[in-house]
Amino acid sequence: MRVLLYSAAARRDVADILRYITRQSLSTAVSQKFVAALDDHCRKLARLPGTLGRPRPELRAGMRSSPFRGYVVFFQYVDDRLEVINILEAHRDVETYFEEP
C-alpha cells in the first residue's frame, strides 16, 4: 500500500472546503463528514493497486486527477507514495490554475 501525503497546498484546499461547507450548511458535522469522505477517497486511491485516475500531462508531468462530489483531486504517484497536490472545484479552469507563472 502506498503512503498518502497531502501537499501544503492540498491541506489549505481541505481547510477552505471545510470552511465553505460549514458556512453553506451551517453545520460543522456536515462539513466534517464531507472532508472525511474526501480523505477516504484519497486513501482509496493510495490503497488500490495499479494506477488510478485520469492522466493529466497537459497540466504537469506525472499528474493525475480523480473527481469527487463536485471537486477534483489532483495527485501524483511518486515511488511508494501518493501525493495529493491540490483539490479544486470541478468548475475551475485548471489549465490556468496550473500554468507556470
N, C-alpha and C. Protein backbone atom coordinates (compact mmCIF):
# COMPACT_ATOMS: atom_id res chain seq x y z
N MET A 1 0.84 -1.18 0.00
CA MET A 1 0.00 0.00 0.00
C MET A 1 0.88 1.24 0.00
N ARG A 2 0.49 2.22 -0.79
CA ARG A 2 1.23 3.48 -0.84
C ARG A 2 0.90 4.35 0.37
N VAL A 3 1.85 5.17 0.73
CA VAL A 3 1.65 6.16 1.78
C VAL A 3 0.94 7.36 1.16
N LEU A 4 -0.06 7.90 1.85
CA LEU A 4 -0.80 9.07 1.37
C LEU A 4 -0.21 10.32 2.00
N LEU A 5 0.16 11.28 1.15
CA LEU A 5 0.68 12.56 1.62
C LEU A 5 -0.11 13.69 0.98
N TYR A 6 -0.40 14.72 1.76
CA TYR A 6 -1.05 15.93 1.25
C TYR A 6 -0.01 17.04 1.20
N SER A 7 0.08 17.73 0.07
CA SER A 7 0.97 18.89 -0.01
C SER A 7 0.40 20.00 0.86
N ALA A 8 1.22 21.02 1.12
CA ALA A 8 0.73 22.17 1.89
C ALA A 8 -0.45 22.82 1.17
N ALA A 9 -0.39 22.91 -0.15
CA ALA A 9 -1.49 23.49 -0.92
C ALA A 9 -2.76 22.65 -0.78
N ALA A 10 -2.62 21.33 -0.81
CA ALA A 10 -3.79 20.45 -0.66
C ALA A 10 -4.39 20.58 0.74
N ARG A 11 -3.54 20.73 1.75
CA ARG A 11 -4.05 20.92 3.12
C ARG A 11 -4.82 22.24 3.22
N ARG A 12 -4.33 23.28 2.55
CA ARG A 12 -5.07 24.56 2.52
C ARG A 12 -6.39 24.38 1.79
N ASP A 13 -6.38 23.62 0.70
CA ASP A 13 -7.62 23.36 -0.05
C ASP A 13 -8.64 22.67 0.85
N VAL A 14 -8.21 21.67 1.61
CA VAL A 14 -9.12 20.95 2.51
C VAL A 14 -9.69 21.91 3.55
N ALA A 15 -8.85 22.76 4.11
CA ALA A 15 -9.32 23.74 5.11
C ALA A 15 -10.33 24.69 4.49
N ASP A 16 -10.08 25.14 3.25
CA ASP A 16 -11.02 26.03 2.56
C ASP A 16 -12.35 25.32 2.30
N ILE A 17 -12.29 24.07 1.88
CA ILE A 17 -13.51 23.29 1.63
C ILE A 17 -14.29 23.14 2.92
N LEU A 18 -13.62 22.84 4.00
CA LEU A 18 -14.27 22.69 5.31
C LEU A 18 -14.98 23.98 5.70
N ARG A 19 -14.30 25.11 5.58
CA ARG A 19 -14.92 26.41 5.92
C ARG A 19 -16.12 26.70 5.02
N TYR A 20 -15.96 26.47 3.71
CA TYR A 20 -17.04 26.76 2.76
C TYR A 20 -18.28 25.93 3.07
N ILE A 21 -18.11 24.64 3.26
CA ILE A 21 -19.27 23.78 3.51
C ILE A 21 -19.90 24.11 4.85
N THR A 22 -19.10 24.43 5.84
CA THR A 22 -19.65 24.83 7.14
C THR A 22 -20.49 26.09 6.99
N ARG A 23 -19.99 27.08 6.25
CA ARG A 23 -20.74 28.33 6.01
C ARG A 23 -22.04 28.06 5.26
N GLN A 24 -21.97 27.23 4.23
CA GLN A 24 -23.15 26.99 3.39
C GLN A 24 -24.20 26.14 4.10
N SER A 25 -23.75 25.16 4.87
CA SER A 25 -24.68 24.23 5.51
C SER A 25 -25.03 24.63 6.94
N LEU A 26 -24.24 25.57 7.50
CA LEU A 26 -24.41 25.97 8.91
C LEU A 26 -24.24 24.77 9.85
N SER A 27 -23.41 23.82 9.43
CA SER A 27 -23.22 22.61 10.22
C SER A 27 -21.78 22.12 10.11
N THR A 28 -21.07 22.11 11.23
CA THR A 28 -19.72 21.54 11.20
C THR A 28 -19.78 20.03 11.00
N ALA A 29 -20.87 19.40 11.45
CA ALA A 29 -21.00 17.95 11.27
C ALA A 29 -21.05 17.60 9.78
N VAL A 30 -21.79 18.39 9.01
CA VAL A 30 -21.91 18.15 7.56
C VAL A 30 -20.55 18.34 6.89
N SER A 31 -19.86 19.43 7.23
CA SER A 31 -18.57 19.70 6.58
C SER A 31 -17.53 18.66 6.98
N GLN A 32 -17.52 18.26 8.24
CA GLN A 32 -16.56 17.25 8.69
C GLN A 32 -16.83 15.89 8.03
N LYS A 33 -18.11 15.57 7.83
CA LYS A 33 -18.46 14.31 7.16
C LYS A 33 -17.96 14.34 5.71
N PHE A 34 -18.13 15.49 5.04
CA PHE A 34 -17.67 15.61 3.66
C PHE A 34 -16.15 15.45 3.58
N VAL A 35 -15.43 16.14 4.45
CA VAL A 35 -13.97 16.08 4.43
C VAL A 35 -13.48 14.67 4.77
N ALA A 36 -14.16 13.99 5.68
CA ALA A 36 -13.80 12.60 5.99
C ALA A 36 -13.99 11.71 4.77
N ALA A 37 -15.09 11.91 4.03
CA ALA A 37 -15.33 11.12 2.82
C ALA A 37 -14.29 11.44 1.75
N LEU A 38 -13.89 12.70 1.65
CA LEU A 38 -12.84 13.11 0.71
C LEU A 38 -11.52 12.42 1.07
N ASP A 39 -11.19 12.40 2.34
CA ASP A 39 -9.97 11.71 2.79
C ASP A 39 -10.06 10.21 2.49
N ASP A 40 -11.22 9.61 2.70
CA ASP A 40 -11.41 8.19 2.36
C ASP A 40 -11.16 7.95 0.88
N HIS A 41 -11.66 8.87 0.04
CA HIS A 41 -11.46 8.76 -1.41
C HIS A 41 -9.96 8.77 -1.73
N CYS A 42 -9.22 9.69 -1.12
CA CYS A 42 -7.78 9.78 -1.36
C CYS A 42 -7.07 8.53 -0.85
N ARG A 43 -7.49 8.03 0.30
CA ARG A 43 -6.88 6.80 0.85
C ARG A 43 -7.14 5.61 -0.07
N LYS A 44 -8.32 5.58 -0.68
CA LYS A 44 -8.63 4.50 -1.62
C LYS A 44 -7.71 4.59 -2.84
N LEU A 45 -7.47 5.81 -3.34
CA LEU A 45 -6.54 5.97 -4.47
C LEU A 45 -5.15 5.45 -4.11
N ALA A 46 -4.74 5.67 -2.86
CA ALA A 46 -3.42 5.20 -2.42
C ALA A 46 -3.40 3.70 -2.19
N ARG A 47 -4.50 3.16 -1.71
CA ARG A 47 -4.55 1.76 -1.29
C ARG A 47 -4.71 0.78 -2.46
N LEU A 48 -5.52 1.13 -3.43
CA LEU A 48 -5.81 0.18 -4.51
C LEU A 48 -4.60 -0.01 -5.41
N PRO A 49 -4.40 -1.22 -5.88
CA PRO A 49 -3.24 -1.49 -6.73
C PRO A 49 -3.41 -0.84 -8.10
N GLY A 50 -2.31 -0.65 -8.76
CA GLY A 50 -2.35 -0.09 -10.10
C GLY A 50 -2.32 1.42 -10.08
N THR A 51 -2.56 1.97 -11.24
CA THR A 51 -2.53 3.41 -11.43
C THR A 51 -3.94 3.88 -11.70
N LEU A 52 -4.47 4.69 -10.81
CA LEU A 52 -5.85 5.15 -10.91
C LEU A 52 -5.89 6.61 -11.34
N GLY A 53 -7.08 7.07 -11.65
CA GLY A 53 -7.26 8.46 -12.04
C GLY A 53 -6.94 8.69 -13.50
N ARG A 54 -7.27 9.88 -13.94
CA ARG A 54 -7.05 10.28 -15.33
C ARG A 54 -5.69 10.95 -15.47
N PRO A 55 -4.87 10.51 -16.41
CA PRO A 55 -3.58 11.19 -16.64
C PRO A 55 -3.82 12.65 -17.06
N ARG A 56 -3.02 13.57 -16.52
CA ARG A 56 -3.17 14.99 -16.84
C ARG A 56 -1.82 15.60 -17.25
N PRO A 57 -1.19 15.03 -18.30
CA PRO A 57 0.13 15.53 -18.71
C PRO A 57 0.09 16.98 -19.20
N GLU A 58 -1.07 17.46 -19.62
CA GLU A 58 -1.17 18.85 -20.07
C GLU A 58 -1.02 19.84 -18.91
N LEU A 59 -1.19 19.35 -17.68
CA LEU A 59 -1.05 20.21 -16.51
C LEU A 59 0.34 20.13 -15.90
N ARG A 60 0.85 18.90 -15.79
CA ARG A 60 2.17 18.67 -15.19
C ARG A 60 2.54 17.21 -15.43
N ALA A 61 3.80 16.97 -15.70
CA ALA A 61 4.26 15.59 -15.92
C ALA A 61 3.95 14.74 -14.70
N GLY A 62 3.34 13.59 -14.93
CA GLY A 62 3.02 12.66 -13.86
C GLY A 62 1.75 12.95 -13.09
N MET A 63 1.11 14.07 -13.37
CA MET A 63 -0.10 14.43 -12.63
C MET A 63 -1.29 13.61 -13.12
N ARG A 64 -2.17 13.28 -12.17
CA ARG A 64 -3.41 12.55 -12.46
C ARG A 64 -4.53 13.27 -11.73
N SER A 65 -5.77 12.97 -12.10
CA SER A 65 -6.91 13.57 -11.40
C SER A 65 -8.00 12.54 -11.20
N SER A 66 -8.80 12.80 -10.16
CA SER A 66 -9.92 11.93 -9.84
C SER A 66 -11.05 12.80 -9.30
N PRO A 67 -12.25 12.70 -9.89
CA PRO A 67 -13.37 13.52 -9.41
C PRO A 67 -13.91 13.02 -8.08
N PHE A 68 -14.42 13.97 -7.29
CA PHE A 68 -15.08 13.61 -6.04
C PHE A 68 -16.11 14.69 -5.70
N ARG A 69 -17.38 14.37 -5.87
CA ARG A 69 -18.51 15.20 -5.43
C ARG A 69 -18.34 16.70 -5.69
N GLY A 70 -18.15 17.06 -6.93
CA GLY A 70 -18.05 18.48 -7.27
C GLY A 70 -16.64 19.05 -7.15
N TYR A 71 -15.70 18.23 -6.79
CA TYR A 71 -14.29 18.63 -6.68
C TYR A 71 -13.45 17.68 -7.52
N VAL A 72 -12.22 18.06 -7.76
CA VAL A 72 -11.28 17.20 -8.47
C VAL A 72 -10.00 17.13 -7.63
N VAL A 73 -9.58 15.91 -7.35
CA VAL A 73 -8.34 15.66 -6.61
C VAL A 73 -7.22 15.52 -7.63
N PHE A 74 -6.20 16.36 -7.52
CA PHE A 74 -5.03 16.28 -8.39
C PHE A 74 -3.90 15.65 -7.58
N PHE A 75 -3.28 14.62 -8.14
CA PHE A 75 -2.28 13.87 -7.39
C PHE A 75 -1.24 13.29 -8.32
N GLN A 76 -0.20 12.73 -7.71
CA GLN A 76 0.81 12.01 -8.48
C GLN A 76 1.33 10.84 -7.66
N TYR A 77 1.73 9.81 -8.37
CA TYR A 77 2.38 8.67 -7.74
C TYR A 77 3.88 8.93 -7.76
N VAL A 78 4.52 8.83 -6.61
CA VAL A 78 5.97 9.00 -6.51
C VAL A 78 6.50 7.86 -5.65
N ASP A 79 7.21 6.93 -6.29
CA ASP A 79 7.73 5.75 -5.59
C ASP A 79 6.60 5.05 -4.84
N ASP A 80 6.70 4.96 -3.53
CA ASP A 80 5.68 4.25 -2.74
C ASP A 80 4.69 5.22 -2.09
N ARG A 81 4.54 6.41 -2.70
CA ARG A 81 3.64 7.43 -2.14
C ARG A 81 2.62 7.88 -3.17
N LEU A 82 1.48 8.31 -2.66
CA LEU A 82 0.52 9.06 -3.46
C LEU A 82 0.50 10.45 -2.85
N GLU A 83 0.89 11.44 -3.64
CA GLU A 83 0.95 12.82 -3.17
C GLU A 83 -0.23 13.60 -3.74
N VAL A 84 -1.10 14.08 -2.86
CA VAL A 84 -2.20 14.94 -3.28
C VAL A 84 -1.64 16.34 -3.45
N ILE A 85 -1.78 16.89 -4.64
CA ILE A 85 -1.20 18.19 -4.98
C ILE A 85 -2.18 19.31 -4.68
N ASN A 86 -3.40 19.17 -5.17
CA ASN A 86 -4.46 20.16 -4.95
C ASN A 86 -5.80 19.46 -4.99
N ILE A 87 -6.79 20.12 -4.42
CA ILE A 87 -8.19 19.68 -4.51
C ILE A 87 -8.97 20.93 -4.90
N LEU A 88 -9.49 20.94 -6.12
CA LEU A 88 -10.14 22.14 -6.66
C LEU A 88 -11.59 21.86 -7.02
N GLU A 89 -12.38 22.93 -7.05
CA GLU A 89 -13.76 22.81 -7.50
C GLU A 89 -13.75 22.34 -8.95
N ALA A 90 -14.68 21.47 -9.30
CA ALA A 90 -14.71 20.87 -10.63
C ALA A 90 -14.91 21.90 -11.74
N HIS A 91 -15.52 23.03 -11.43
CA HIS A 91 -15.81 24.04 -12.46
C HIS A 91 -14.61 24.94 -12.75
N ARG A 92 -13.54 24.82 -11.98
CA ARG A 92 -12.38 25.71 -12.14
C ARG A 92 -11.68 25.49 -13.48
N ASP A 93 -11.06 26.55 -13.97
CA ASP A 93 -10.22 26.47 -15.16
C ASP A 93 -8.85 25.96 -14.70
N VAL A 94 -8.70 24.65 -14.70
CA VAL A 94 -7.48 24.06 -14.12
C VAL A 94 -6.25 24.34 -14.97
N GLU A 95 -6.42 24.48 -16.27
CA GLU A 95 -5.26 24.78 -17.12
C GLU A 95 -4.64 26.11 -16.69
N THR A 96 -5.48 27.11 -16.44
CA THR A 96 -4.98 28.41 -15.98
C THR A 96 -4.40 28.29 -14.58
N TYR A 97 -5.06 27.54 -13.71
CA TYR A 97 -4.60 27.39 -12.33
C TYR A 97 -3.19 26.81 -12.27
N PHE A 98 -2.92 25.81 -13.11
CA PHE A 98 -1.63 25.13 -13.07
C PHE A 98 -0.58 25.71 -14.02
N GLU A 99 -0.91 26.82 -14.69
CA GLU A 99 0.07 27.46 -15.57
C GLU A 99 1.30 27.89 -14.78
N GLU A 100 2.45 27.77 -15.41
CA GLU A 100 3.68 28.25 -14.79
C GLU A 100 3.61 29.78 -14.73
N PRO A 101 4.04 30.37 -13.61
CA PRO A 101 4.00 31.85 -13.51
C PRO A 101 4.99 32.53 -14.42
